[in-house]
Amino acid sequence: MQRRKFLATATAAIPLALTATTAEKSAAGDRQLIELRTYEIKFGGSGMGVLMSYLNDVLAPALKGLGCPAFRVMKELGKSDPANVWVLIAYPDANAYVAAQQLNSDAAYLTASAAYDAVPASKPVYNRYASQLLLAFERMPEVVDPGPDAGLFELRTYEGYSEDATRRKIKMFNVEEIDLFYETNLHPVFFGDMISGPFRPALVYMLHFRDMAERDANWSKFGPHPKWKAMVAKETYADSVSNIRKTFLVPA
């Protein structure tokens, strides 16, 4: 099936609730939708190669054909049990995201994914996979390509005790904190408001470094920085984060 025909079919299937009005588009601007997938690998599973081949050789090019500008496969640093494979996908808009859920309407995609779809119940690759959907921040509306030197990714989830708390923390990042990240060489990959996922209300962001030594050195510049001290003392940002989750990832 030609890509043009596939996109037309997929777009026609989008519910009205997901079709942005002019006002909604103006509010969102060109901010990307970011999906974080976590594949929980079956203990003792022997099909990791099938999953990696599917992700890199089938899913990635299919999503690129839909206009998705970023796709990255990572694994957790160290030996997690069960092992988790993480996939970062950036979508240009909601239409592309919905179209990506209907890839099996495309005959070429079905042919390419035949080996992945043929995995038997007796040899599952994973237990389940979960998804988080994020809306990129106004200050950083697109996922950044970290380049070939990125050997470590730090994924952080900041939970808020209320929706207002998370909104205030997002404002803090948009207005001044992201700028300080750049100043102290905490290299951002993305910042996103969690609009669907397990920890709402929350925001999620990812940083990249060469290695853990660079990560530790650059974070040590951030905490004592005068701009951070002034920022965190502002009443408007008080109690905006109630819990922090950190995951370290490396290229898969």
C-alpha atoms as a PDB file:
ATOM      1  CA  MET A   1       0.000   0.000   0.000  1.00  0.00           C
ATOM      2  CA  GLN A   2       1.347   3.414  -0.877  1.00  0.00           C
ATOM      3  CA  ARG A   3       2.203   5.683   2.040  1.00  0.00           C
ATOM      4  CA  ARG A   4      -0.201   8.385   0.804  1.00  0.00           C
ATOM      5  CA  LYS A   5      -3.121   5.959   0.784  1.00  0.00           C
ATOM      6  CA  PHE A   6      -2.168   4.559   4.190  1.00  0.00           C
ATOM      7  CA  LEU A   7      -1.962   8.009   5.752  1.00  0.00           C
ATOM      8  CA  ALA A   8      -5.316   9.005   4.294  1.00  0.00           C
ATOM      9  CA  THR A   9      -6.938   5.868   5.692  1.00  0.00           C
ATOM     10  CA  ALA A  10      -5.344   6.297   9.098  1.00  0.00           C
ATOM     11  CA  THR A  11      -6.268   9.967   9.347  1.00  0.00           C
ATOM     12  CA  ALA A  12      -9.869   9.221   8.423  1.00  0.00           C
ATOM     13  CA  ALA A  13     -10.066   6.838  11.373  1.00  0.00           C
ATOM     14  CA  ILE A  14      -8.988   9.459  13.919  1.00  0.00           C
ATOM     15  CA  PRO A  15     -11.768  10.248  16.418  1.00  0.00           C
ATOM     16  CA  LEU A  16     -13.011  13.822  16.439  1.00  0.00           C
ATOM     17  CA  ALA A  17     -11.733  14.179  20.002  1.00  0.00           C
ATOM     18  CA  LEU A  18      -8.173  13.746  18.736  1.00  0.00           C
ATOM     19  CA  THR A  19      -8.479  16.174  15.837  1.00  0.00           C
ATOM     20  CA  ALA A  20      -7.017  19.479  17.002  1.00  0.00           C
ATOM     21  CA  THR A  21      -8.990  22.642  16.419  1.00  0.00           C
ATOM     22  CA  THR A  22      -7.208  25.773  15.243  1.00  0.00           C
ATOM     23  CA  ALA A  23      -7.149  27.059  18.820  1.00  0.00           C
ATOM     24  CA  GLU A  24      -5.704  23.803  20.135  1.00  0.00           C
ATOM     25  CA  LYS A  25      -3.018  23.789  17.465  1.00  0.00           C
ATOM     26  CA  SER A  26      -2.124  27.342  18.373  1.00  0.00           C
ATOM     27  CA  ALA A  27      -1.853  26.396  22.044  1.00  0.00           C
ATOM     28  CA  ALA A  28       0.298  23.353  21.316  1.00  0.00           C
ATOM     29  CA  GLY A  29       2.357  25.067  18.626  1.00  0.00           C
ATOM     30  CA  ASP A  30       4.740  22.618  16.990  1.00  0.00           C
ATOM     31  CA  ARG A  31       5.321  20.632  20.176  1.00  0.00           C
ATOM     32  CA  GLN A  32       5.970  16.961  19.504  1.00  0.00           C
ATOM     33  CA  LEU A  33       4.208  14.053  21.149  1.00  0.00           C
ATOM     34  CA  ILE A  34       6.731  11.741  22.795  1.00  0.00           C
ATOM     35  CA  GLU A  35       6.078   8.090  23.521  1.00  0.00           C
ATOM     36  CA  LEU A  36       8.193   6.090  25.940  1.00  0.00           C
ATOM     37  CA  ARG A  37       7.701   2.340  25.622  1.00  0.00           C
ATOM     38  CA  THR A  38       9.015  -0.135  28.175  1.00  0.00           C
ATOM     39  CA  TYR A  39       9.207  -3.764  27.073  1.00  0.00           C
ATOM     40  CA  GLU A  40       9.479  -6.099  30.071  1.00  0.00           C
ATOM     41  CA  ILE A  41      11.454  -9.035  28.706  1.00  0.00           C
ATOM     42  CA  LYS A  42      10.296 -12.535  29.548  1.00  0.00           C
ATOM     43  CA  PHE A  43      12.621 -14.118  32.114  1.00  0.00           C
ATOM     44  CA  GLY A  44      14.844 -16.603  30.329  1.00  0.00           C
ATOM     45  CA  GLY A  45      13.360 -15.551  26.995  1.00  0.00           C
ATOM     46  CA  SER A  46      15.372 -16.406  23.920  1.00  0.00           C
ATOM     47  CA  GLY A  47      13.673 -14.039  21.507  1.00  0.00           C
ATOM     48  CA  MET A  48      15.513 -10.802  22.263  1.00  0.00           C
ATOM     49  CA  GLY A  49      16.995 -10.845  18.774  1.00  0.00           C
ATOM     50  CA  VAL A  50      13.506 -10.995  17.258  1.00  0.00           C
ATOM     51  CA  LEU A  51      12.393  -7.953  19.267  1.00  0.00           C
ATOM     52  CA  MET A  52      15.483  -5.899  18.445  1.00  0.00           C
ATOM     53  CA  SER A  53      15.198  -6.782  14.762  1.00  0.00           C
ATOM     54  CA  TYR A  54      11.540  -5.743  14.787  1.00  0.00           C
ATOM     55  CA  LEU A  55      12.217  -2.451  16.547  1.00  0.00           C
ATOM     56  CA  ASN A  56      15.193  -1.395  14.434  1.00  0.00           C
ATOM     57  CA  ASP A  57      14.404  -2.926  11.057  1.00  0.00           C
ATOM     58  CA  VAL A  58      10.592  -2.833  10.934  1.00  0.00           C
ATOM     59  CA  LEU A  59       9.070  -0.371  13.387  1.00  0.00           C
ATOM     60  CA  ALA A  60      11.686   2.383  13.042  1.00  0.00           C
ATOM     61  CA  PRO A  61      11.420   2.730   9.233  1.00  0.00           C
ATOM     62  CA  ALA A  62       7.618   2.434   9.370  1.00  0.00           C
ATOM     63  CA  LEU A  63       7.427   5.302  11.843  1.00  0.00           C
ATOM     64  CA  LYS A  64       9.923   7.328   9.829  1.00  0.00           C
ATOM     65  CA  GLY A  65       7.553   6.907   6.898  1.00  0.00           C
ATOM     66  CA  LEU A  66       4.844   8.546   9.011  1.00  0.00           C
ATOM     67  CA  GLY A  67       7.089  11.526   9.637  1.00  0.00           C
ATOM     68  CA  CYS A  68       8.352  10.560  13.094  1.00  0.00           C
ATOM     69  CA  PRO A  69      11.650  12.436  13.570  1.00  0.00           C
ATOM     70  CA  ALA A  70      13.165  10.464  16.468  1.00  0.00           C
ATOM     71  CA  PHE A  71      13.415   6.779  17.362  1.00  0.00           C
ATOM     72  CA  ARG A  72      15.872   5.372  19.877  1.00  0.00           C
ATOM     73  CA  VAL A  73      16.202   1.939  21.535  1.00  0.00           C
ATOM     74  CA  MET A  74      17.854   1.716  24.969  1.00  0.00           C
ATOM     75  CA  LYS A  75      18.339  -0.738  27.787  1.00  0.00           C
ATOM     76  CA  GLU A  76      18.704  -0.165  31.517  1.00  0.00           C
ATOM     77  CA  LEU A  77      22.187   0.285  32.917  1.00  0.00           C
ATOM     78  CA  GLY A  78      23.271  -2.813  34.825  1.00  0.00           C
ATOM     79  CA  LYS A  79      21.414  -6.098  35.079  1.00  0.00           C
ATOM     80  CA  SER A  80      17.767  -5.389  35.852  1.00  0.00           C
ATOM     81  CA  ASP A  81      15.496  -8.362  36.513  1.00  0.00           C
ATOM     82  CA  PRO A  82      13.302  -8.567  34.568  1.00  0.00           C
ATOM     83  CA  ALA A  83      15.285  -6.821  31.864  1.00  0.00           C
ATOM     84  CA  ASN A  84      13.584  -3.814  30.284  1.00  0.00           C
ATOM     85  CA  VAL A  85      14.026  -2.429  26.793  1.00  0.00           C
ATOM     86  CA  TRP A  86      13.061   1.238  26.401  1.00  0.00           C
ATOM     87  CA  VAL A  87      12.000   2.872  23.146  1.00  0.00           C
ATOM     88  CA  LEU A  88      11.780   6.626  22.627  1.00  0.00           C
ATOM     89  CA  ILE A  89       9.534   7.748  19.762  1.00  0.00           C
ATOM     90  CA  ALA A  90       8.776  11.327  18.751  1.00  0.00           C
ATOM     91  CA  TYR A  91       5.619  12.057  16.740  1.00  0.00           C
ATOM     92  CA  PRO A  92       5.141  15.348  14.879  1.00  0.00           C
ATOM     93  CA  ASP A  93       1.463  15.509  15.918  1.00  0.00           C
ATOM     94  CA  ALA A  94      -1.523  13.507  17.180  1.00  0.00           C
ATOM     95  CA  ASN A  95      -2.453  12.368  13.670  1.00  0.00           C
ATOM     96  CA  ALA A  96       0.904  10.615  13.277  1.00  0.00           C
ATOM     97  CA  TYR A  97       0.520   8.989  16.692  1.00  0.00           C
ATOM     98  CA  VAL A  98      -2.902   7.561  15.819  1.00  0.00           C
ATOM     99  CA  ALA A  99      -1.685   6.431  12.397  1.00  0.00           C
ATOM    100  CA  ALA A 100       1.157   4.577  14.127  1.00  0.00           C
ATOM    101  CA  GLN A 101      -1.394   2.515  16.051  1.00  0.00           C
ATOM    102  CA  GLN A 102      -2.801   1.256  12.756  1.00  0.00           C
ATOM    103  CA  LEU A 103       0.356   0.069  11.031  1.00  0.00           C
ATOM    104  CA  ASN A 104      -1.076  -3.407  10.563  1.00  0.00           C
ATOM    105  CA  SER A 105      -3.425  -1.916   7.974  1.00  0.00           C
ATOM    106  CA  ASP A 106      -0.384  -1.653   5.690  1.00  0.00           C
ATOM    107  CA  ALA A 107       0.443  -4.808   3.716  1.00  0.00           C
ATOM    108  CA  ALA A 108       4.120  -3.887   3.432  1.00  0.00           C
ATOM    109  CA  TYR A 109       4.390  -3.491   7.189  1.00  0.00           C
ATOM    110  CA  LEU A 110       2.701  -6.870   7.763  1.00  0.00           C
ATOM    111  CA  THR A 111       5.175  -8.539   5.437  1.00  0.00           C
ATOM    112  CA  ALA A 112       8.141  -6.907   7.179  1.00  0.00           C
ATOM    113  CA  SER A 113       6.866  -7.856  10.649  1.00  0.00           C
ATOM    114  CA  ALA A 114       6.077 -11.489   9.776  1.00  0.00           C
ATOM    115  CA  ALA A 115       8.864 -12.988  11.931  1.00  0.00           C
ATOM    116  CA  TYR A 116       7.862 -10.838  14.908  1.00  0.00           C
ATOM    117  CA  ASP A 117       4.200 -11.759  14.536  1.00  0.00           C
ATOM    118  CA  ALA A 118       5.043 -15.459  14.218  1.00  0.00           C
ATOM    119  CA  VAL A 119       6.574 -15.737  17.729  1.00  0.00           C
ATOM    120  CA  PRO A 120       4.754 -18.684  19.355  1.00  0.00           C
ATOM    121  CA  ALA A 121       3.031 -18.580  22.750  1.00  0.00           C
ATOM    122  CA  SER A 122       5.562 -21.126  24.017  1.00  0.00           C
ATOM    123  CA  LYS A 123       8.465 -18.700  23.408  1.00  0.00           C
ATOM    124  CA  PRO A 124       7.230 -15.176  24.218  1.00  0.00           C
ATOM    125  CA  VAL A 125       9.707 -12.326  23.890  1.00  0.00           C
ATOM    126  CA  TYR A 126       8.212 -10.140  26.606  1.00  0.00           C
ATOM    127  CA  ASN A 127       5.600 -10.196  29.339  1.00  0.00           C
ATOM    128  CA  ARG A 128       4.009  -6.899  28.353  1.00  0.00           C
ATOM    129  CA  TYR A 129       4.992  -3.456  27.210  1.00  0.00           C
ATOM    130  CA  ALA A 130       3.799  -0.198  28.727  1.00  0.00           C
ATOM    131  CA  SER A 131       3.604   3.257  27.182  1.00  0.00           C
ATOM    132  CA  GLN A 132       3.822   6.784  28.493  1.00  0.00           C
ATOM    133  CA  LEU A 133       2.670   9.634  26.271  1.00  0.00           C
ATOM    134  CA  LEU A 134       4.192  13.067  26.791  1.00  0.00           C
ATOM    135  CA  LEU A 135       3.608  16.501  25.289  1.00  0.00           C
ATOM    136  CA  ALA A 136       6.874  18.340  24.734  1.00  0.00           C
ATOM    137  CA  PHE A 137       7.422  21.548  26.692  1.00  0.00           C
ATOM    138  CA  GLU A 138       7.023  24.954  25.068  1.00  0.00           C
ATOM    139  CA  ARG A 139      10.666  25.815  25.844  1.00  0.00           C
ATOM    140  CA  MET A 140      11.855  22.599  24.194  1.00  0.00           C
ATOM    141  CA  PRO A 141       9.209  21.552  21.663  1.00  0.00           C
ATOM    142  CA  GLU A 142      11.252  18.862  19.897  1.00  0.00           C
ATOM    143  CA  VAL A 143      13.360  15.861  20.858  1.00  0.00           C
ATOM    144  CA  VAL A 144      17.076  16.585  20.400  1.00  0.00           C
ATOM    145  CA  ASP A 145      19.419  14.149  18.674  1.00  0.00           C
ATOM    146  CA  PRO A 146      22.210  13.604  21.245  1.00  0.00           C
ATOM    147  CA  GLY A 147      24.697  12.468  18.612  1.00  0.00           C
ATOM    148  CA  PRO A 148      27.020   9.463  18.573  1.00  0.00           C
ATOM    149  CA  ASP A 149      28.956  10.359  21.742  1.00  0.00           C
ATOM    150  CA  ALA A 150      26.008   9.836  24.095  1.00  0.00           C
ATOM    151  CA  GLY A 151      26.806   6.737  26.116  1.00  0.00           C
ATOM    152  CA  LEU A 152      24.461   7.371  29.050  1.00  0.00           C
ATOM    153  CA  PHE A 153      20.904   8.631  29.333  1.00  0.00           C
ATOM    154  CA  GLU A 154      19.296   9.769  32.558  1.00  0.00           C
ATOM    155  CA  LEU A 155      15.506   9.567  32.582  1.00  0.00           C
ATOM    156  CA  ARG A 156      13.751  11.487  35.361  1.00  0.00           C
ATOM    157  CA  THR A 157      10.089  11.542  36.325  1.00  0.00           C
ATOM    158  CA  TYR A 158       8.940  14.341  38.632  1.00  0.00           C
ATOM    159  CA  GLU A 159       5.617  13.579  40.259  1.00  0.00           C
ATOM    160  CA  GLY A 160       3.472  16.333  41.761  1.00  0.00           C
ATOM    161  CA  TYR A 161       1.087  16.037  44.687  1.00  0.00           C
ATOM    162  CA  SER A 162      -1.508  17.887  42.563  1.00  0.00           C
ATOM    163  CA  GLU A 163      -2.030  18.990  38.982  1.00  0.00           C
ATOM    164  CA  ASP A 164      -1.290  22.577  39.971  1.00  0.00           C
ATOM    165  CA  ALA A 165       2.021  21.516  41.501  1.00  0.00           C
ATOM    166  CA  THR A 166       3.108  19.860  38.257  1.00  0.00           C
ATOM    167  CA  ARG A 167       1.968  22.866  36.207  1.00  0.00           C
ATOM    168  CA  ARG A 168       4.103  25.127  38.401  1.00  0.00           C
ATOM    169  CA  LYS A 169       7.138  22.875  37.983  1.00  0.00           C
ATOM    170  CA  ILE A 170       6.644  22.838  34.209  1.00  0.00           C
ATOM    171  CA  LYS A 171       6.520  26.644  34.285  1.00  0.00           C
ATOM    172  CA  MET A 172       9.762  26.661  36.276  1.00  0.00           C
ATOM    173  CA  PHE A 173      11.465  24.621  33.585  1.00  0.00           C
ATOM    174  CA  ASN A 174      10.007  26.654  30.718  1.00  0.00           C
ATOM    175  CA  VAL A 175      10.842  30.041  32.216  1.00  0.00           C
ATOM    176  CA  GLU A 176      14.301  29.494  33.652  1.00  0.00           C
ATOM    177  CA  GLU A 177      15.427  26.006  34.685  1.00  0.00           C
ATOM    178  CA  ILE A 178      16.030  24.548  31.217  1.00  0.00           C
ATOM    179  CA  ASP A 179      18.308  27.487  30.446  1.00  0.00           C
ATOM    180  CA  LEU A 180      20.342  26.648  33.547  1.00  0.00           C
ATOM    181  CA  PHE A 181      20.544  23.022  32.431  1.00  0.00           C
ATOM    182  CA  TYR A 182      22.240  24.143  29.234  1.00  0.00           C
ATOM    183  CA  GLU A 183      24.505  26.493  31.164  1.00  0.00           C
ATOM    184  CA  THR A 184      25.716  23.686  33.460  1.00  0.00           C
ATOM    185  CA  ASN A 185      26.029  21.100  30.639  1.00  0.00           C
ATOM    186  CA  LEU A 186      23.109  18.950  31.699  1.00  0.00           C
ATOM    187  CA  HIS A 187      22.386  18.045  28.089  1.00  0.00           C
ATOM    188  CA  PRO A 188      18.623  17.665  27.464  1.00  0.00           C
ATOM    189  CA  VAL A 189      17.118  15.156  25.047  1.00  0.00           C
ATOM    190  CA  PHE A 190      13.517  16.152  25.806  1.00  0.00           C
ATOM    191  CA  PHE A 191      11.122  17.529  28.409  1.00  0.00           C
ATOM    192  CA  GLY A 192       7.500  16.365  28.418  1.00  0.00           C
ATOM    193  CA  ASP A 193       4.252  16.724  30.326  1.00  0.00           C
ATOM    194  CA  MET A 194       2.825  13.248  30.983  1.00  0.00           C
ATOM    195  CA  ILE A 195      -0.618  13.316  29.362  1.00  0.00           C
ATOM    196  CA  SER A 196      -1.068   9.534  29.620  1.00  0.00           C
ATOM    197  CA  GLY A 197       0.825   7.148  31.855  1.00  0.00           C
ATOM    198  CA  PRO A 198       1.164   5.620  35.311  1.00  0.00           C
ATOM    199  CA  PHE A 199       2.467   8.504  37.434  1.00  0.00           C
ATOM    200  CA  ARG A 200       0.194  11.461  36.676  1.00  0.00           C
ATOM    201  CA  PRO A 201       0.345  14.264  37.460  1.00  0.00           C
ATOM    202  CA  ALA A 202       3.987  14.234  36.403  1.00  0.00           C
ATOM    203  CA  LEU A 203       6.569  15.521  33.996  1.00  0.00           C
ATOM    204  CA  VAL A 204       9.365  13.494  32.435  1.00  0.00           C
ATOM    205  CA  TYR A 205      12.705  14.522  30.992  1.00  0.00           C
ATOM    206  CA  MET A 206      15.837  12.886  29.647  1.00  0.00           C
ATOM    207  CA  LEU A 207      19.460  14.037  29.713  1.00  0.00           C
ATOM    208  CA  HIS A 208      22.445  12.594  27.890  1.00  0.00           C
ATOM    209  CA  PHE A 209      26.123  12.322  28.818  1.00  0.00           C
ATOM    210  CA  ARG A 210      29.244  10.574  27.621  1.00  0.00           C
ATOM    211  CA  ASP A 211      29.359   8.493  30.798  1.00  0.00           C
ATOM    212  CA  MET A 212      28.545   8.512  34.515  1.00  0.00           C
ATOM    213  CA  ALA A 213      31.654  10.549  35.345  1.00  0.00           C
ATOM    214  CA  GLU A 214      30.496  13.414  33.146  1.00  0.00           C
ATOM    215  CA  ARG A 215      26.993  13.105  34.563  1.00  0.00           C
ATOM    216  CA  ASP A 216      28.188  13.380  38.173  1.00  0.00           C
ATOM    217  CA  ALA A 217      30.561  16.261  37.391  1.00  0.00           C
ATOM    218  CA  ASN A 218      27.910  18.317  35.611  1.00  0.00           C
ATOM    219  CA  TRP A 219      25.198  17.732  38.211  1.00  0.00           C
ATOM    220  CA  SER A 220      27.683  18.920  40.850  1.00  0.00           C
ATOM    221  CA  LYS A 221      27.713  22.308  39.090  1.00  0.00           C
ATOM    222  CA  PHE A 222      23.941  22.616  39.151  1.00  0.00           C
ATOM    223  CA  GLY A 223      23.058  22.288  42.844  1.00  0.00           C
ATOM    224  CA  PRO A 224      25.257  25.096  44.198  1.00  0.00           C
ATOM    225  CA  HIS A 225      24.691  27.423  41.246  1.00  0.00           C
ATOM    226  CA  PRO A 226      23.445  30.885  42.358  1.00  0.00           C
ATOM    227  CA  LYS A 227      20.703  30.854  39.728  1.00  0.00           C
ATOM    228  CA  TRP A 228      19.360  27.557  41.084  1.00  0.00           C
ATOM    229  CA  LYS A 229      19.503  28.840  44.658  1.00  0.00           C
ATOM    230  CA  ALA A 230      17.476  31.916  43.636  1.00  0.00           C
ATOM    231  CA  MET A 231      15.058  29.854  41.570  1.00  0.00           C
ATOM    232  CA  VAL A 232      14.261  27.240  44.195  1.00  0.00           C
ATOM    233  CA  ALA A 233      13.667  29.930  46.814  1.00  0.00           C
ATOM    234  CA  LYS A 234      10.716  31.401  44.900  1.00  0.00           C
ATOM    235  CA  GLU A 235       7.375  30.779  46.605  1.00  0.00           C
ATOM    236  CA  THR A 236       5.623  30.140  43.297  1.00  0.00           C
ATOM    237  CA  TYR A 237       7.672  26.956  42.822  1.00  0.00           C
ATOM    238  CA  ALA A 238       7.363  25.662  46.403  1.00  0.00           C
ATOM    239  CA  ASP A 239       6.261  22.039  46.858  1.00  0.00           C
ATOM    240  CA  SER A 240       6.031  21.460  43.112  1.00  0.00           C
ATOM    241  CA  VAL A 241       7.722  18.029  43.191  1.00  0.00           C
ATOM    242  CA  SER A 242       6.602  15.297  45.587  1.00  0.00           C
ATOM    243  CA  ASN A 243       8.602  12.346  44.237  1.00  0.00           C
ATOM    244  CA  ILE A 244      11.466  11.771  41.784  1.00  0.00           C
ATOM    245  CA  ARG A 245      12.074   8.553  39.824  1.00  0.00           C
ATOM    246  CA  LYS A 246      15.413   8.044  38.073  1.00  0.00           C
ATOM    247  CA  THR A 247      16.397   5.448  35.494  1.00  0.00           C
ATOM    248  CA  PHE A 248      19.785   5.212  33.794  1.00  0.00           C
ATOM    249  CA  LEU A 249      19.794   3.928  30.241  1.00  0.00           C
ATOM    250  CA  VAL A 250      22.437   3.063  27.657  1.00  0.00           C
ATOM    251  CA  PRO A 251      22.190   2.486  23.902  1.00  0.00           C
ATOM    252  CA  ALA A 252      20.870  -0.995  23.123  1.00  0.00           C
END
